[in-house]
Amino acid sequence: MIFIFGLAIPSPATVNEIPLGKNPAVVYEGWAAKEGGVESLLAANQDAVKQSPKYPPVRTDHPGKRKQVPQDPEKRCPKWEAALADYGLFPIETWSYIAWRESGCRLKAQNATWDANGNMTYHLNKDKSYDTGLLQINSSWRSRVAEVCGDWAIENRMQGLKTLDCNLKFARWLMEHSEGGLSNWRM
């Protein structure tokens, strides 16, 4: 683990993202080691991107009023861009930048920690809510996440949002149903 400003960032050897096709309700540490290591995990995630559903483009909002997305290609998540397109999240550059800015391209990112008794020991948000997954969906959307992804998604501190399918599906739901649109990500 690498710690930056109180956030625990897994090293490549500890990444344990769950690809689509596995039971998303089963989330546990050490998945990569049990399933063949990091190389196997990376290959499985590429398969997950290939298997992602194809949705029509989601509505965009306020095209002239958005913050500019930096042109720096280092501020993107190219490995997730095919999945963003499959879920209809356009423009790809905007969503790829959001994923980079919000989670550092990490599917399992969460901006809070808890102790062994379940007490929150660190939170980034002033209101003690927390953000989870690639696009950092806020815990205030808990009941809606359950509607969109299923009850399993909100168990164990919103673990379902750490799957590609649920995270992108809910981002799409926000764009289609939330008045905030991209402003949910301050864009």
N, C-alpha and C. Protein backbone atom coordinates (compact mmCIF):
# COMPACT_ATOMS: atom_id res chain seq x y z
N MET A 1 0.83 -1.18 0.00
CA MET A 1 0.00 0.00 0.00
C MET A 1 0.88 1.25 0.00
N ILE A 2 0.40 2.26 -0.67
CA ILE A 2 1.04 3.57 -0.69
C ILE A 2 0.04 4.51 -0.04
N PHE A 3 0.49 5.37 0.87
CA PHE A 3 -0.40 6.31 1.53
C PHE A 3 -0.10 7.71 1.05
N ILE A 4 -1.12 8.38 0.50
CA ILE A 4 -0.98 9.75 0.03
C ILE A 4 -2.07 10.57 0.68
N PHE A 5 -1.69 11.55 1.47
CA PHE A 5 -2.64 12.42 2.15
C PHE A 5 -3.72 11.61 2.87
N GLY A 6 -3.33 10.55 3.53
CA GLY A 6 -4.28 9.76 4.30
C GLY A 6 -5.07 8.74 3.50
N LEU A 7 -4.89 8.71 2.19
CA LEU A 7 -5.60 7.74 1.37
C LEU A 7 -4.71 6.54 1.12
N ALA A 8 -5.26 5.37 1.24
CA ALA A 8 -4.51 4.15 0.96
C ALA A 8 -4.67 3.83 -0.52
N ILE A 9 -3.57 3.77 -1.23
CA ILE A 9 -3.61 3.48 -2.66
C ILE A 9 -2.90 2.15 -2.85
N PRO A 10 -3.62 1.15 -3.38
CA PRO A 10 -2.98 -0.15 -3.54
C PRO A 10 -1.90 -0.12 -4.60
N SER A 11 -0.85 -0.86 -4.34
CA SER A 11 0.19 -1.02 -5.35
C SER A 11 -0.31 -2.01 -6.39
N PRO A 12 0.32 -2.07 -7.55
CA PRO A 12 -0.16 -3.01 -8.57
C PRO A 12 -0.28 -4.44 -8.07
N ALA A 13 0.57 -4.83 -7.14
CA ALA A 13 0.53 -6.21 -6.64
C ALA A 13 -0.69 -6.47 -5.76
N THR A 14 -1.37 -5.41 -5.26
CA THR A 14 -2.51 -5.63 -4.37
C THR A 14 -3.84 -5.27 -5.01
N VAL A 15 -3.82 -4.91 -6.27
CA VAL A 15 -5.06 -4.57 -6.94
C VAL A 15 -5.94 -5.81 -6.99
N ASN A 16 -7.24 -5.65 -6.69
CA ASN A 16 -8.11 -6.82 -6.69
C ASN A 16 -9.45 -6.51 -7.33
N GLU A 17 -9.42 -5.93 -8.50
CA GLU A 17 -10.65 -5.59 -9.18
C GLU A 17 -11.35 -6.86 -9.65
N ILE A 18 -12.66 -6.82 -9.61
CA ILE A 18 -13.45 -7.99 -10.01
C ILE A 18 -13.98 -7.75 -11.41
N PRO A 19 -13.67 -8.60 -12.36
CA PRO A 19 -14.20 -8.41 -13.71
C PRO A 19 -15.66 -8.80 -13.78
N LEU A 20 -16.33 -8.30 -14.79
CA LEU A 20 -17.70 -8.74 -15.04
C LEU A 20 -17.67 -10.23 -15.31
N GLY A 21 -18.75 -10.89 -15.01
CA GLY A 21 -18.80 -12.33 -15.21
C GLY A 21 -18.54 -13.08 -13.92
N LYS A 22 -17.81 -12.47 -12.99
CA LYS A 22 -17.67 -13.05 -11.66
C LYS A 22 -18.87 -12.58 -10.85
N ASN A 23 -19.19 -13.26 -9.77
CA ASN A 23 -20.30 -12.83 -8.92
C ASN A 23 -19.92 -11.53 -8.25
N PRO A 24 -20.53 -10.40 -8.61
CA PRO A 24 -20.12 -9.12 -8.06
C PRO A 24 -20.42 -9.00 -6.58
N ALA A 25 -21.29 -9.84 -6.03
CA ALA A 25 -21.58 -9.76 -4.61
C ALA A 25 -20.44 -10.33 -3.78
N VAL A 26 -19.56 -11.10 -4.40
CA VAL A 26 -18.45 -11.69 -3.67
C VAL A 26 -17.24 -10.79 -3.84
N VAL A 27 -16.95 -10.00 -2.84
CA VAL A 27 -15.84 -9.07 -2.89
C VAL A 27 -14.93 -9.39 -1.70
N TYR A 28 -13.70 -9.77 -1.97
CA TYR A 28 -12.79 -10.06 -0.87
C TYR A 28 -11.37 -9.78 -1.30
N GLU A 29 -10.51 -9.49 -0.30
CA GLU A 29 -9.11 -9.21 -0.56
C GLU A 29 -8.42 -10.47 -1.05
N GLY A 30 -7.39 -10.31 -1.82
CA GLY A 30 -6.60 -11.45 -2.25
C GLY A 30 -7.15 -12.15 -3.48
N TRP A 31 -8.15 -11.58 -4.14
CA TRP A 31 -8.74 -12.22 -5.31
C TRP A 31 -7.69 -12.49 -6.37
N ALA A 32 -6.84 -11.50 -6.62
CA ALA A 32 -5.84 -11.66 -7.68
C ALA A 32 -4.91 -12.83 -7.39
N ALA A 33 -4.49 -12.97 -6.14
CA ALA A 33 -3.59 -14.06 -5.79
C ALA A 33 -4.28 -15.41 -5.96
N LYS A 34 -5.54 -15.48 -5.58
CA LYS A 34 -6.26 -16.75 -5.66
C LYS A 34 -6.62 -17.12 -7.09
N GLU A 35 -6.74 -16.14 -7.97
CA GLU A 35 -7.17 -16.39 -9.34
C GLU A 35 -6.04 -16.34 -10.35
N GLY A 36 -4.78 -16.32 -9.91
CA GLY A 36 -3.69 -16.39 -10.87
C GLY A 36 -2.82 -15.16 -10.94
N GLY A 37 -2.94 -14.24 -10.01
CA GLY A 37 -2.05 -13.10 -9.94
C GLY A 37 -2.52 -11.91 -10.75
N VAL A 38 -1.69 -10.88 -10.70
CA VAL A 38 -2.02 -9.60 -11.33
C VAL A 38 -2.17 -9.73 -12.84
N GLU A 39 -1.31 -10.52 -13.48
CA GLU A 39 -1.41 -10.67 -14.94
C GLU A 39 -2.77 -11.25 -15.33
N SER A 40 -3.21 -12.24 -14.59
CA SER A 40 -4.52 -12.84 -14.84
C SER A 40 -5.63 -11.82 -14.62
N LEU A 41 -5.47 -11.01 -13.59
CA LEU A 41 -6.46 -9.98 -13.28
C LEU A 41 -6.55 -8.95 -14.40
N LEU A 42 -5.42 -8.49 -14.88
CA LEU A 42 -5.43 -7.51 -15.96
C LEU A 42 -6.08 -8.08 -17.22
N ALA A 43 -5.79 -9.30 -17.54
CA ALA A 43 -6.40 -9.95 -18.70
C ALA A 43 -7.90 -10.08 -18.50
N ALA A 44 -8.32 -10.44 -17.29
CA ALA A 44 -9.75 -10.58 -16.99
C ALA A 44 -10.46 -9.24 -17.11
N ASN A 45 -9.82 -8.16 -16.69
CA ASN A 45 -10.45 -6.85 -16.81
C ASN A 45 -10.60 -6.43 -18.26
N GLN A 46 -9.64 -6.78 -19.09
CA GLN A 46 -9.79 -6.49 -20.52
C GLN A 46 -10.96 -7.27 -21.09
N ASP A 47 -11.13 -8.53 -20.64
CA ASP A 47 -12.29 -9.31 -21.06
C ASP A 47 -13.58 -8.66 -20.59
N ALA A 48 -13.57 -8.11 -19.38
CA ALA A 48 -14.76 -7.45 -18.84
C ALA A 48 -15.14 -6.26 -19.69
N VAL A 49 -14.15 -5.49 -20.14
CA VAL A 49 -14.44 -4.34 -21.00
C VAL A 49 -15.05 -4.83 -22.31
N LYS A 50 -14.52 -5.93 -22.88
CA LYS A 50 -15.05 -6.46 -24.13
C LYS A 50 -16.48 -6.95 -23.97
N GLN A 51 -16.86 -7.43 -22.76
CA GLN A 51 -18.18 -7.97 -22.51
C GLN A 51 -19.19 -6.91 -22.07
N SER A 52 -18.75 -5.67 -21.87
CA SER A 52 -19.66 -4.65 -21.35
C SER A 52 -20.79 -4.38 -22.34
N PRO A 53 -21.96 -4.00 -21.82
CA PRO A 53 -23.11 -3.78 -22.69
C PRO A 53 -22.90 -2.56 -23.58
N LYS A 54 -23.63 -2.51 -24.66
CA LYS A 54 -23.57 -1.36 -25.56
C LYS A 54 -24.85 -0.55 -25.38
N TYR A 55 -24.72 0.67 -24.88
CA TYR A 55 -25.84 1.57 -24.68
C TYR A 55 -25.75 2.72 -25.68
N PRO A 56 -26.88 3.33 -26.02
CA PRO A 56 -26.81 4.54 -26.85
C PRO A 56 -26.20 5.67 -26.03
N PRO A 57 -25.69 6.69 -26.68
CA PRO A 57 -25.09 7.80 -25.93
C PRO A 57 -26.09 8.41 -24.95
N VAL A 58 -25.62 8.69 -23.75
CA VAL A 58 -26.44 9.33 -22.74
C VAL A 58 -26.54 10.82 -23.08
N ARG A 59 -27.60 11.45 -22.64
CA ARG A 59 -27.74 12.88 -22.93
C ARG A 59 -26.58 13.65 -22.32
N THR A 60 -26.17 14.70 -22.98
CA THR A 60 -25.14 15.57 -22.41
C THR A 60 -25.85 16.80 -21.88
N ASP A 61 -25.16 17.54 -21.05
CA ASP A 61 -25.80 18.72 -20.48
C ASP A 61 -24.87 19.92 -20.54
N HIS A 62 -25.44 21.06 -20.76
CA HIS A 62 -24.72 22.33 -20.76
C HIS A 62 -23.41 22.28 -21.53
N PRO A 63 -23.43 21.89 -22.81
CA PRO A 63 -22.17 21.71 -23.54
C PRO A 63 -21.29 22.95 -23.57
N GLY A 64 -21.85 24.13 -23.56
CA GLY A 64 -21.04 25.33 -23.60
C GLY A 64 -20.58 25.80 -22.24
N LYS A 65 -21.11 25.21 -21.17
CA LYS A 65 -20.82 25.69 -19.83
C LYS A 65 -19.88 24.77 -19.05
N ARG A 66 -19.44 23.67 -19.63
CA ARG A 66 -18.58 22.73 -18.93
C ARG A 66 -17.20 23.31 -18.70
N LYS A 67 -16.56 22.81 -17.64
CA LYS A 67 -15.15 23.13 -17.44
C LYS A 67 -14.38 22.47 -18.57
N GLN A 68 -13.32 23.08 -18.95
CA GLN A 68 -12.48 22.51 -19.99
C GLN A 68 -11.75 21.28 -19.45
N VAL A 69 -11.68 20.26 -20.26
CA VAL A 69 -10.93 19.05 -19.91
C VAL A 69 -9.50 19.28 -20.37
N PRO A 70 -8.52 19.06 -19.48
CA PRO A 70 -7.13 19.26 -19.89
C PRO A 70 -6.77 18.40 -21.11
N GLN A 71 -5.94 18.93 -21.96
CA GLN A 71 -5.52 18.21 -23.17
C GLN A 71 -4.43 17.18 -22.89
N ASP A 72 -3.83 17.22 -21.71
CA ASP A 72 -2.75 16.32 -21.34
C ASP A 72 -3.23 14.87 -21.37
N PRO A 73 -2.70 14.02 -22.25
CA PRO A 73 -3.14 12.63 -22.34
C PRO A 73 -2.80 11.81 -21.09
N GLU A 74 -1.91 12.32 -20.25
CA GLU A 74 -1.58 11.64 -18.99
C GLU A 74 -2.74 11.75 -18.00
N LYS A 75 -3.67 12.66 -18.25
CA LYS A 75 -4.81 12.86 -17.35
C LYS A 75 -6.04 12.15 -17.91
N ARG A 76 -5.86 10.89 -18.23
CA ARG A 76 -6.93 10.06 -18.80
C ARG A 76 -6.78 8.63 -18.28
N CYS A 77 -7.80 7.84 -18.52
CA CYS A 77 -7.80 6.42 -18.18
C CYS A 77 -8.08 5.62 -19.45
N PRO A 78 -7.08 5.49 -20.33
CA PRO A 78 -7.32 4.82 -21.61
C PRO A 78 -7.82 3.39 -21.48
N LYS A 79 -7.44 2.68 -20.43
CA LYS A 79 -7.88 1.28 -20.32
C LYS A 79 -9.38 1.16 -20.08
N TRP A 80 -10.04 2.24 -19.66
CA TRP A 80 -11.48 2.20 -19.40
C TRP A 80 -12.29 2.89 -20.50
N GLU A 81 -11.65 3.48 -21.49
CA GLU A 81 -12.37 4.26 -22.49
C GLU A 81 -13.32 3.43 -23.34
N ALA A 82 -12.97 2.20 -23.67
CA ALA A 82 -13.89 1.36 -24.44
C ALA A 82 -15.15 1.08 -23.63
N ALA A 83 -15.00 0.83 -22.34
CA ALA A 83 -16.17 0.59 -21.49
C ALA A 83 -17.01 1.84 -21.35
N LEU A 84 -16.38 3.01 -21.21
CA LEU A 84 -17.14 4.26 -21.14
C LEU A 84 -17.98 4.44 -22.39
N ALA A 85 -17.40 4.13 -23.55
CA ALA A 85 -18.14 4.24 -24.80
C ALA A 85 -19.28 3.23 -24.84
N ASP A 86 -19.02 2.00 -24.39
CA ASP A 86 -20.07 0.98 -24.39
C ASP A 86 -21.26 1.38 -23.53
N TYR A 87 -21.01 2.11 -22.45
CA TYR A 87 -22.08 2.56 -21.57
C TYR A 87 -22.68 3.89 -22.03
N GLY A 88 -22.22 4.39 -23.18
CA GLY A 88 -22.79 5.60 -23.76
C GLY A 88 -22.37 6.87 -23.06
N LEU A 89 -21.26 6.84 -22.34
CA LEU A 89 -20.78 8.01 -21.59
C LEU A 89 -19.86 8.82 -22.49
N PHE A 90 -20.44 9.80 -23.15
CA PHE A 90 -19.71 10.67 -24.08
C PHE A 90 -19.80 12.11 -23.60
N PRO A 91 -18.85 12.95 -23.93
CA PRO A 91 -17.64 12.67 -24.69
C PRO A 91 -16.64 11.86 -23.87
N ILE A 92 -16.01 10.91 -24.52
CA ILE A 92 -15.09 9.99 -23.87
C ILE A 92 -13.98 10.74 -23.14
N GLU A 93 -13.44 11.80 -23.74
CA GLU A 93 -12.34 12.54 -23.11
C GLU A 93 -12.77 13.08 -21.75
N THR A 94 -14.02 13.56 -21.66
CA THR A 94 -14.52 14.10 -20.39
C THR A 94 -14.62 13.01 -19.34
N TRP A 95 -15.22 11.87 -19.68
CA TRP A 95 -15.40 10.79 -18.72
C TRP A 95 -14.07 10.14 -18.36
N SER A 96 -13.17 10.01 -19.30
CA SER A 96 -11.86 9.45 -19.03
C SER A 96 -11.10 10.36 -18.06
N TYR A 97 -11.22 11.67 -18.26
CA TYR A 97 -10.60 12.64 -17.35
C TYR A 97 -11.24 12.55 -15.96
N ILE A 98 -12.56 12.45 -15.90
CA ILE A 98 -13.24 12.33 -14.60
C ILE A 98 -12.73 11.10 -13.85
N ALA A 99 -12.62 9.97 -14.54
CA ALA A 99 -12.12 8.75 -13.91
C ALA A 99 -10.69 8.94 -13.39
N TRP A 100 -9.85 9.61 -14.16
CA TRP A 100 -8.48 9.88 -13.73
C TRP A 100 -8.46 10.79 -12.52
N ARG A 101 -9.22 11.88 -12.60
CA ARG A 101 -9.23 12.88 -11.52
C ARG A 101 -9.84 12.32 -10.23
N GLU A 102 -10.93 11.58 -10.37
CA GLU A 102 -11.67 11.12 -9.20
C GLU A 102 -11.02 9.91 -8.51
N SER A 103 -10.53 8.95 -9.28
CA SER A 103 -10.06 7.71 -8.67
C SER A 103 -8.64 7.32 -9.07
N GLY A 104 -8.00 8.12 -9.92
CA GLY A 104 -6.69 7.71 -10.41
C GLY A 104 -6.79 6.46 -11.28
N CYS A 105 -7.95 6.28 -11.93
CA CYS A 105 -8.22 5.14 -12.81
C CYS A 105 -8.38 3.82 -12.05
N ARG A 106 -8.62 3.90 -10.75
CA ARG A 106 -8.73 2.70 -9.92
C ARG A 106 -10.19 2.36 -9.66
N LEU A 107 -10.60 1.19 -10.09
CA LEU A 107 -11.97 0.73 -9.93
C LEU A 107 -12.37 0.59 -8.47
N LYS A 108 -11.44 0.24 -7.59
CA LYS A 108 -11.72 -0.03 -6.18
C LYS A 108 -11.52 1.19 -5.28
N ALA A 109 -11.30 2.37 -5.83
CA ALA A 109 -11.03 3.55 -5.02
C ALA A 109 -12.21 3.88 -4.10
N GLN A 110 -11.88 4.31 -2.89
CA GLN A 110 -12.90 4.76 -1.93
C GLN A 110 -12.22 5.80 -1.04
N ASN A 111 -12.88 6.94 -0.83
CA ASN A 111 -12.22 8.02 -0.10
C ASN A 111 -12.60 8.06 1.37
N ALA A 112 -12.69 6.91 1.99
CA ALA A 112 -12.94 6.81 3.43
C ALA A 112 -12.35 5.51 3.93
N THR A 113 -12.09 5.45 5.23
CA THR A 113 -11.62 4.22 5.85
C THR A 113 -12.40 3.98 7.13
N TRP A 114 -12.43 2.74 7.55
CA TRP A 114 -13.15 2.33 8.75
C TRP A 114 -12.24 1.47 9.61
N ASP A 115 -12.49 1.48 10.94
CA ASP A 115 -11.72 0.59 11.81
C ASP A 115 -12.40 -0.77 11.88
N ALA A 116 -11.83 -1.67 12.66
CA ALA A 116 -12.34 -3.04 12.75
C ALA A 116 -13.76 -3.09 13.31
N ASN A 117 -14.17 -2.07 14.05
CA ASN A 117 -15.52 -2.02 14.63
C ASN A 117 -16.53 -1.37 13.70
N GLY A 118 -16.11 -0.97 12.51
CA GLY A 118 -17.01 -0.35 11.55
C GLY A 118 -17.17 1.14 11.71
N ASN A 119 -16.34 1.77 12.56
CA ASN A 119 -16.41 3.22 12.75
C ASN A 119 -15.55 3.91 11.69
N MET A 120 -16.12 4.93 11.07
CA MET A 120 -15.37 5.66 10.05
C MET A 120 -14.21 6.39 10.73
N THR A 121 -13.01 6.16 10.23
CA THR A 121 -11.82 6.78 10.81
C THR A 121 -11.26 7.89 9.93
N TYR A 122 -11.65 7.90 8.67
CA TYR A 122 -11.20 8.94 7.75
C TYR A 122 -12.27 9.15 6.70
N HIS A 123 -12.54 10.40 6.39
CA HIS A 123 -13.44 10.74 5.29
C HIS A 123 -12.96 12.02 4.67
N LEU A 124 -13.09 12.11 3.38
CA LEU A 124 -12.66 13.28 2.65
C LEU A 124 -13.77 14.33 2.58
N ASN A 125 -15.02 13.88 2.52
CA ASN A 125 -16.14 14.80 2.39
C ASN A 125 -16.54 15.37 3.75
N LYS A 126 -16.84 16.66 3.78
CA LYS A 126 -17.19 17.35 5.03
C LYS A 126 -18.44 16.77 5.69
N ASP A 127 -19.36 16.24 4.89
CA ASP A 127 -20.62 15.72 5.45
C ASP A 127 -20.53 14.25 5.85
N LYS A 128 -19.32 13.70 5.87
CA LYS A 128 -19.05 12.30 6.23
C LYS A 128 -19.62 11.29 5.22
N SER A 129 -20.05 11.76 4.07
CA SER A 129 -20.40 10.82 3.00
C SER A 129 -19.07 10.37 2.39
N TYR A 130 -19.11 9.36 1.56
CA TYR A 130 -17.90 8.87 0.93
C TYR A 130 -18.19 8.52 -0.51
N ASP A 131 -17.14 8.48 -1.31
CA ASP A 131 -17.24 8.23 -2.74
C ASP A 131 -16.55 6.91 -3.07
N THR A 132 -17.14 6.16 -4.01
CA THR A 132 -16.66 4.81 -4.29
C THR A 132 -16.55 4.55 -5.78
N GLY A 133 -15.51 3.83 -6.16
CA GLY A 133 -15.37 3.31 -7.50
C GLY A 133 -14.67 4.21 -8.48
N LEU A 134 -14.62 3.77 -9.71
CA LEU A 134 -13.91 4.46 -10.78
C LEU A 134 -14.34 5.91 -10.93
N LEU A 135 -15.65 6.16 -10.90
CA LEU A 135 -16.16 7.52 -11.07
C LEU A 135 -16.58 8.15 -9.75
N GLN A 136 -16.20 7.52 -8.63
CA GLN A 136 -16.41 8.05 -7.29
C GLN A 136 -17.86 8.49 -7.06
N ILE A 137 -18.76 7.52 -7.05
CA ILE A 137 -20.18 7.77 -6.79
C ILE A 137 -20.37 7.99 -5.29
N ASN A 138 -21.08 9.05 -4.92
CA ASN A 138 -21.26 9.42 -3.53
C ASN A 138 -22.25 8.52 -2.81
N SER A 139 -21.98 8.23 -1.55
CA SER A 139 -22.83 7.36 -0.74
C SER A 139 -24.21 7.93 -0.49
N SER A 140 -24.41 9.21 -0.73
CA SER A 140 -25.74 9.81 -0.56
C SER A 140 -26.74 9.23 -1.58
N TRP A 141 -26.25 8.58 -2.63
CA TRP A 141 -27.10 7.96 -3.64
C TRP A 141 -27.44 6.51 -3.30
N ARG A 142 -27.21 6.10 -2.09
CA ARG A 142 -27.35 4.71 -1.64
C ARG A 142 -28.63 4.03 -2.13
N SER A 143 -29.80 4.63 -1.86
CA SER A 143 -31.06 3.98 -2.24
C SER A 143 -31.20 3.88 -3.76
N ARG A 144 -30.73 4.86 -4.48
CA ARG A 144 -30.79 4.80 -5.95
C ARG A 144 -29.83 3.77 -6.51
N VAL A 145 -28.66 3.65 -5.89
CA VAL A 145 -27.70 2.62 -6.33
C VAL A 145 -28.34 1.24 -6.17
N ALA A 146 -29.05 1.03 -5.06
CA ALA A 146 -29.74 -0.25 -4.86
C ALA A 146 -30.78 -0.49 -5.95
N GLU A 147 -31.50 0.55 -6.36
CA GLU A 147 -32.50 0.41 -7.42
C GLU A 147 -31.85 0.07 -8.76
N VAL A 148 -30.74 0.72 -9.07
CA VAL A 148 -30.10 0.56 -10.37
C VAL A 148 -29.28 -0.73 -10.46
N CYS A 149 -28.53 -1.03 -9.41
CA CYS A 149 -27.61 -2.17 -9.45
C CYS A 149 -28.08 -3.38 -8.65
N GLY A 150 -29.00 -3.20 -7.75
CA GLY A 150 -29.46 -4.28 -6.88
C GLY A 150 -29.02 -4.06 -5.45
N ASP A 151 -29.72 -4.69 -4.52
CA ASP A 151 -29.41 -4.52 -3.10
C ASP A 151 -27.98 -4.93 -2.75
N TRP A 152 -27.43 -5.92 -3.45
CA TRP A 152 -26.08 -6.36 -3.16
C TRP A 152 -25.07 -5.21 -3.29
N ALA A 153 -25.37 -4.23 -4.14
CA ALA A 153 -24.43 -3.15 -4.44
C ALA A 153 -24.18 -2.23 -3.25
N ILE A 154 -25.14 -2.14 -2.32
CA ILE A 154 -24.96 -1.21 -1.20
C ILE A 154 -24.43 -1.91 0.05
N GLU A 155 -24.33 -3.23 -0.01
CA GLU A 155 -23.80 -3.97 1.13
C GLU A 155 -22.31 -3.68 1.30
N ASN A 156 -21.85 -3.80 2.53
CA ASN A 156 -20.42 -3.66 2.84
C ASN A 156 -19.84 -2.35 2.28
N ARG A 157 -20.48 -1.25 2.65
CA ARG A 157 -20.02 0.10 2.29
C ARG A 157 -19.94 0.33 0.78
N MET A 158 -21.05 0.03 0.11
CA MET A 158 -21.20 0.32 -1.32
C MET A 158 -20.22 -0.46 -2.20
N GLN A 159 -19.94 -1.70 -1.84
CA GLN A 159 -18.97 -2.51 -2.58
C GLN A 159 -19.36 -2.72 -4.04
N GLY A 160 -20.64 -2.71 -4.34
CA GLY A 160 -21.06 -2.91 -5.72
C GLY A 160 -20.53 -1.85 -6.66
N LEU A 161 -20.32 -0.64 -6.13
CA LEU A 161 -19.80 0.44 -6.96
C LEU A 161 -18.33 0.23 -7.32
N LYS A 162 -17.71 -0.80 -6.74
CA LYS A 162 -16.34 -1.12 -7.09
C LYS A 162 -16.27 -2.11 -8.26
N THR A 163 -17.43 -2.39 -8.86
CA THR A 163 -17.46 -3.19 -10.09
C THR A 163 -17.68 -2.24 -11.25
N LEU A 164 -17.12 -2.56 -12.38
CA LEU A 164 -17.22 -1.71 -13.56
C LEU A 164 -18.68 -1.53 -13.99
N ASP A 165 -19.43 -2.61 -14.04
CA ASP A 165 -20.80 -2.56 -14.49
C ASP A 165 -21.65 -1.63 -13.63
N CYS A 166 -21.64 -1.81 -12.34
CA CYS A 166 -22.47 -0.99 -11.45
C CYS A 166 -22.04 0.47 -11.48
N ASN A 167 -20.73 0.73 -11.43
CA ASN A 167 -20.25 2.11 -11.40
C ASN A 167 -20.64 2.87 -12.66
N LEU A 168 -20.43 2.28 -13.83
CA LEU A 168 -20.76 2.97 -15.07
C LEU A 168 -22.26 3.02 -15.30
N LYS A 169 -22.96 1.98 -14.91
CA LYS A 169 -24.41 1.97 -15.04
C LYS A 169 -25.02 3.09 -14.19
N PHE A 170 -24.48 3.28 -12.98
CA PHE A 170 -25.03 4.33 -12.13
C PHE A 170 -24.63 5.72 -12.61
N ALA A 171 -23.43 5.88 -13.14
CA ALA A 171 -23.06 7.17 -13.73
C ALA A 171 -24.02 7.52 -14.86
N ARG A 172 -24.35 6.55 -15.66
CA ARG A 172 -25.31 6.75 -16.74
C ARG A 172 -26.67 7.14 -16.17
N TRP A 173 -27.11 6.46 -15.10
CA TRP A 173 -28.38 6.78 -14.45
C TRP A 173 -28.36 8.24 -13.96
N LEU A 174 -27.25 8.67 -13.37
CA LEU A 174 -27.15 10.06 -12.91
C LEU A 174 -27.33 11.04 -14.07
N MET A 175 -26.72 10.74 -15.19
CA MET A 175 -26.85 11.63 -16.34
C MET A 175 -28.28 11.66 -16.88
N GLU A 176 -28.97 10.55 -16.80
CA GLU A 176 -30.33 10.48 -17.33
C GLU A 176 -31.38 11.01 -16.36
N HIS A 177 -31.13 10.95 -15.05
CA HIS A 177 -32.17 11.25 -14.07
C HIS A 177 -31.85 12.39 -13.11
N SER A 178 -30.62 12.77 -12.99
CA SER A 178 -30.24 13.82 -12.05
C SER A 178 -30.20 15.16 -12.76
N GLU A 179 -30.77 16.17 -12.15
CA GLU A 179 -30.69 17.51 -12.75
C GLU A 179 -29.25 18.00 -12.83
N GLY A 180 -28.40 17.49 -11.96
CA GLY A 180 -27.00 17.94 -11.90
C GLY A 180 -26.17 17.50 -13.09
N GLY A 181 -26.51 16.39 -13.72
CA GLY A 181 -25.70 15.90 -14.84
C GLY A 181 -24.23 15.85 -14.50
N LEU A 182 -23.40 16.41 -15.35
CA LEU A 182 -21.95 16.40 -15.12
C LEU A 182 -21.53 17.24 -13.92
N SER A 183 -22.41 18.12 -13.45
CA SER A 183 -22.02 18.90 -12.26
C SER A 183 -21.92 18.02 -11.03
N ASN A 184 -22.46 16.78 -11.09
CA ASN A 184 -22.23 15.84 -9.99
C ASN A 184 -20.75 15.55 -9.82
N TRP A 185 -19.97 15.80 -10.87
CA TRP A 185 -18.53 15.62 -10.83
C TRP A 185 -17.81 16.96 -10.96
N ARG A 186 -18.52 18.04 -10.69
CA ARG A 186 -17.99 19.41 -10.79
C ARG A 186 -17.41 19.71 -12.18
N MET A 187 -18.13 19.23 -13.19
CA MET A 187 -17.73 19.50 -14.57
C MET A 187 -18.79 20.37 -15.23
